[in-house]
């Protein structure tokens, strides 16, 4: 089983890399849901952990966005 994504590890990544990670996680979630609906998935907890990983990545992206807005406002 894949280990969960840590937010502290994500904060060091670039925005583009985070967006690629988000897309990969969303594709994984789609595949897990598809397997769940066709009764091919053994561990249904992977759906929950993938959703939470997506939330972590979105949170870090929002933090970076807010930080960029604050620095842009200070420069004016």
N, C-alpha and C. Protein backbone atom coordinates (compact mmCIF):
# COMPACT_ATOMS: atom_id res chain seq x y z
N UNK A 1 0.84 -1.18 0.00
CA UNK A 1 0.00 0.00 0.00
C UNK A 1 0.88 1.24 0.00
N UNK A 2 0.45 2.24 -0.74
CA UNK A 2 1.19 3.47 -0.86
C UNK A 2 1.05 4.30 0.40
N UNK A 3 2.15 4.92 0.82
CA UNK A 3 2.08 5.76 2.01
C UNK A 3 1.46 7.10 1.65
N UNK A 4 0.89 7.74 2.64
CA UNK A 4 0.20 9.00 2.36
C UNK A 4 1.19 10.13 2.12
N UNK A 5 0.74 11.13 1.44
CA UNK A 5 1.54 12.29 1.11
C UNK A 5 1.58 13.20 2.34
N UNK A 6 2.76 13.65 2.70
CA UNK A 6 2.91 14.55 3.85
C UNK A 6 2.89 15.99 3.36
N UNK A 7 2.15 16.85 4.06
CA UNK A 7 2.05 18.25 3.66
C UNK A 7 3.40 18.94 3.78
N UNK A 8 4.20 18.59 4.78
CA UNK A 8 5.49 19.24 4.94
C UNK A 8 6.43 18.90 3.78
N UNK A 9 6.26 17.72 3.19
CA UNK A 9 7.05 17.35 2.01
C UNK A 9 6.58 18.11 0.78
N UNK A 10 5.29 18.37 0.70
CA UNK A 10 4.73 19.06 -0.46
C UNK A 10 5.10 20.54 -0.50
N UNK A 11 5.30 21.14 0.65
CA UNK A 11 5.57 22.58 0.70
C UNK A 11 6.88 22.95 0.02
N UNK A 12 7.80 22.01 -0.11
CA UNK A 12 9.07 22.29 -0.77
C UNK A 12 8.99 22.20 -2.29
N UNK A 13 7.88 21.72 -2.82
CA UNK A 13 7.74 21.53 -4.27
C UNK A 13 7.29 22.81 -4.96
N UNK A 14 7.58 22.86 -6.25
CA UNK A 14 7.13 23.97 -7.09
C UNK A 14 5.64 23.81 -7.39
N UNK A 15 5.00 24.90 -7.78
CA UNK A 15 3.57 24.89 -8.08
C UNK A 15 3.26 23.95 -9.24
N UNK A 16 4.09 23.97 -10.28
CA UNK A 16 3.84 23.11 -11.44
C UNK A 16 3.92 21.63 -11.04
N UNK A 17 4.86 21.30 -10.18
CA UNK A 17 4.99 19.91 -9.73
C UNK A 17 3.79 19.50 -8.88
N UNK A 18 3.29 20.42 -8.07
CA UNK A 18 2.11 20.13 -7.27
C UNK A 18 0.89 19.90 -8.15
N UNK A 19 0.78 20.68 -9.22
CA UNK A 19 -0.35 20.50 -10.14
C UNK A 19 -0.26 19.15 -10.85
N UNK A 20 0.96 18.73 -11.21
CA UNK A 20 1.12 17.40 -11.82
C UNK A 20 0.76 16.31 -10.82
N UNK A 21 1.15 16.50 -9.57
CA UNK A 21 0.82 15.53 -8.53
C UNK A 21 -0.69 15.45 -8.34
N UNK A 22 -1.35 16.60 -8.37
CA UNK A 22 -2.80 16.65 -8.22
C UNK A 22 -3.49 15.90 -9.36
N UNK A 23 -3.04 16.11 -10.57
CA UNK A 23 -3.63 15.40 -11.72
C UNK A 23 -3.43 13.89 -11.60
N UNK A 24 -2.24 13.48 -11.17
CA UNK A 24 -1.96 12.05 -11.00
C UNK A 24 -2.86 11.44 -9.93
N UNK A 25 -3.04 12.16 -8.82
CA UNK A 25 -3.90 11.66 -7.75
C UNK A 25 -5.36 11.58 -8.20
N UNK A 26 -5.80 12.55 -8.99
CA UNK A 26 -7.17 12.52 -9.48
C UNK A 26 -7.38 11.34 -10.43
N UNK A 27 -6.38 11.05 -11.25
CA UNK A 27 -6.48 9.88 -12.14
C UNK A 27 -6.51 8.59 -11.33
N UNK A 28 -5.68 8.54 -10.28
CA UNK A 28 -5.67 7.36 -9.41
C UNK A 28 -7.02 7.18 -8.74
N UNK A 29 -7.61 8.27 -8.28
CA UNK A 29 -8.92 8.20 -7.63
C UNK A 29 -9.97 7.67 -8.60
N UNK A 30 -9.93 8.13 -9.84
CA UNK A 30 -10.86 7.63 -10.85
C UNK A 30 -10.71 6.12 -11.04
N UNK A 31 -9.45 5.67 -11.13
CA UNK A 31 -9.20 4.25 -11.31
C UNK A 31 -9.68 3.44 -10.10
N UNK A 32 -9.44 3.95 -8.90
CA UNK A 32 -9.89 3.25 -7.69
C UNK A 32 -11.41 3.16 -7.65
N UNK A 33 -12.09 4.23 -8.01
CA UNK A 33 -13.55 4.22 -8.01
C UNK A 33 -14.09 3.26 -9.07
N UNK A 34 -13.43 3.22 -10.21
CA UNK A 34 -13.84 2.30 -11.26
C UNK A 34 -13.68 0.85 -10.80
N UNK A 35 -12.56 0.55 -10.16
CA UNK A 35 -12.35 -0.80 -9.65
C UNK A 35 -13.35 -1.13 -8.54
N UNK A 36 -13.68 -0.14 -7.73
CA UNK A 36 -14.64 -0.35 -6.65
C UNK A 36 -16.03 -0.68 -7.22
N UNK A 37 -16.41 0.02 -8.26
CA UNK A 37 -17.73 -0.22 -8.86
C UNK A 37 -17.81 -1.55 -9.59
N UNK A 38 -16.68 -2.06 -10.03
CA UNK A 38 -16.69 -3.36 -10.71
C UNK A 38 -16.25 -4.49 -9.78
N UNK A 39 -16.19 -4.20 -8.49
CA UNK A 39 -15.83 -5.17 -7.45
C UNK A 39 -14.46 -5.80 -7.68
N UNK A 40 -13.50 -5.02 -8.14
CA UNK A 40 -12.15 -5.52 -8.36
C UNK A 40 -11.16 -5.00 -7.34
N UNK A 41 -11.58 -4.10 -6.47
CA UNK A 41 -10.66 -3.50 -5.51
C UNK A 41 -10.69 -4.33 -4.23
N UNK A 42 -9.51 -4.57 -3.69
CA UNK A 42 -9.43 -5.36 -2.46
C UNK A 42 -9.49 -4.49 -1.22
N UNK A 43 -8.80 -3.35 -1.25
CA UNK A 43 -8.73 -2.48 -0.09
C UNK A 43 -9.42 -1.16 -0.43
N UNK A 44 -10.60 -0.95 0.10
CA UNK A 44 -11.35 0.27 -0.21
C UNK A 44 -10.81 1.50 0.50
N UNK A 45 -9.89 1.31 1.43
CA UNK A 45 -9.29 2.46 2.12
C UNK A 45 -8.45 3.32 1.18
N UNK A 46 -8.00 2.76 0.05
CA UNK A 46 -7.19 3.54 -0.87
C UNK A 46 -7.99 4.71 -1.44
N UNK A 47 -9.29 4.57 -1.54
CA UNK A 47 -10.14 5.67 -2.02
C UNK A 47 -10.08 6.81 -1.02
N UNK A 48 -10.22 6.49 0.24
CA UNK A 48 -10.21 7.52 1.28
C UNK A 48 -8.84 8.21 1.37
N UNK A 49 -7.77 7.42 1.33
CA UNK A 49 -6.44 8.02 1.44
C UNK A 49 -6.11 8.86 0.22
N UNK A 50 -6.56 8.44 -0.95
CA UNK A 50 -6.33 9.24 -2.15
C UNK A 50 -7.08 10.56 -2.08
N UNK A 51 -8.32 10.52 -1.61
CA UNK A 51 -9.09 11.76 -1.46
C UNK A 51 -8.39 12.71 -0.48
N UNK A 52 -7.87 12.17 0.59
CA UNK A 52 -7.18 13.01 1.58
C UNK A 52 -5.87 13.55 1.03
N UNK A 53 -5.17 12.76 0.22
CA UNK A 53 -3.95 13.24 -0.41
C UNK A 53 -4.26 14.39 -1.37
N UNK A 54 -5.36 14.27 -2.10
CA UNK A 54 -5.79 15.35 -2.99
C UNK A 54 -6.06 16.61 -2.19
N UNK A 55 -6.71 16.46 -1.06
CA UNK A 55 -7.00 17.61 -0.20
C UNK A 55 -5.72 18.26 0.31
N UNK A 56 -4.73 17.45 0.65
CA UNK A 56 -3.45 17.99 1.11
C UNK A 56 -2.77 18.81 0.03
N UNK A 57 -2.76 18.27 -1.19
CA UNK A 57 -2.12 18.97 -2.30
C UNK A 57 -2.86 20.28 -2.59
N UNK A 58 -4.19 20.24 -2.56
CA UNK A 58 -4.98 21.46 -2.79
C UNK A 58 -4.71 22.49 -1.71
N UNK A 59 -4.55 22.05 -0.48
CA UNK A 59 -4.27 22.97 0.62
C UNK A 59 -2.92 23.66 0.42
N UNK A 60 -1.90 22.91 0.04
CA UNK A 60 -0.59 23.50 -0.18
C UNK A 60 -0.62 24.45 -1.37
N UNK A 61 -1.35 24.09 -2.42
CA UNK A 61 -1.49 25.00 -3.56
C UNK A 61 -2.17 26.30 -3.15
N UNK A 62 -3.19 26.21 -2.31
CA UNK A 62 -3.87 27.42 -1.83
C UNK A 62 -2.95 28.26 -0.97
N UNK A 63 -2.14 27.62 -0.13
CA UNK A 63 -1.18 28.36 0.68
C UNK A 63 -0.19 29.12 -0.19
N UNK A 64 0.33 28.45 -1.22
CA UNK A 64 1.28 29.09 -2.12
C UNK A 64 0.62 30.25 -2.87
N UNK A 65 -0.64 30.08 -3.25
CA UNK A 65 -1.36 31.14 -3.95
C UNK A 65 -1.55 32.36 -3.06
N UNK A 66 -1.94 32.10 -1.81
CA UNK A 66 -2.12 33.21 -0.86
C UNK A 66 -0.79 33.91 -0.59
N UNK A 67 0.27 33.14 -0.46
CA UNK A 67 1.58 33.73 -0.20
C UNK A 67 2.04 34.58 -1.36
N UNK A 68 1.78 34.13 -2.58
CA UNK A 68 2.15 34.91 -3.77
C UNK A 68 1.35 36.20 -3.82
N UNK A 69 0.09 36.16 -3.43
CA UNK A 69 -0.75 37.37 -3.43
C UNK A 69 -0.25 38.37 -2.38
N UNK A 70 0.17 37.86 -1.23
CA UNK A 70 0.67 38.74 -0.18
C UNK A 70 1.97 39.41 -0.60
N UNK A 71 2.88 38.67 -1.20
CA UNK A 71 4.15 39.25 -1.64
C UNK A 71 3.93 40.23 -2.79
N UNK A 72 2.96 39.97 -3.66
CA UNK A 72 2.67 40.90 -4.74
C UNK A 72 2.07 42.18 -4.19
N UNK A 73 1.26 42.09 -3.16
CA UNK A 73 0.66 43.27 -2.56
C UNK A 73 1.69 44.11 -1.83
N UNK A 74 2.68 43.47 -1.23
CA UNK A 74 3.74 44.20 -0.53
C UNK A 74 4.65 44.93 -1.47
N UNK A 75 4.81 44.42 -2.69
CA UNK A 75 5.68 45.04 -3.68
C UNK A 75 5.09 46.33 -4.25
N UNK A 76 3.79 46.47 -4.17
CA UNK A 76 3.14 47.68 -4.73
C UNK A 76 3.34 48.87 -3.89
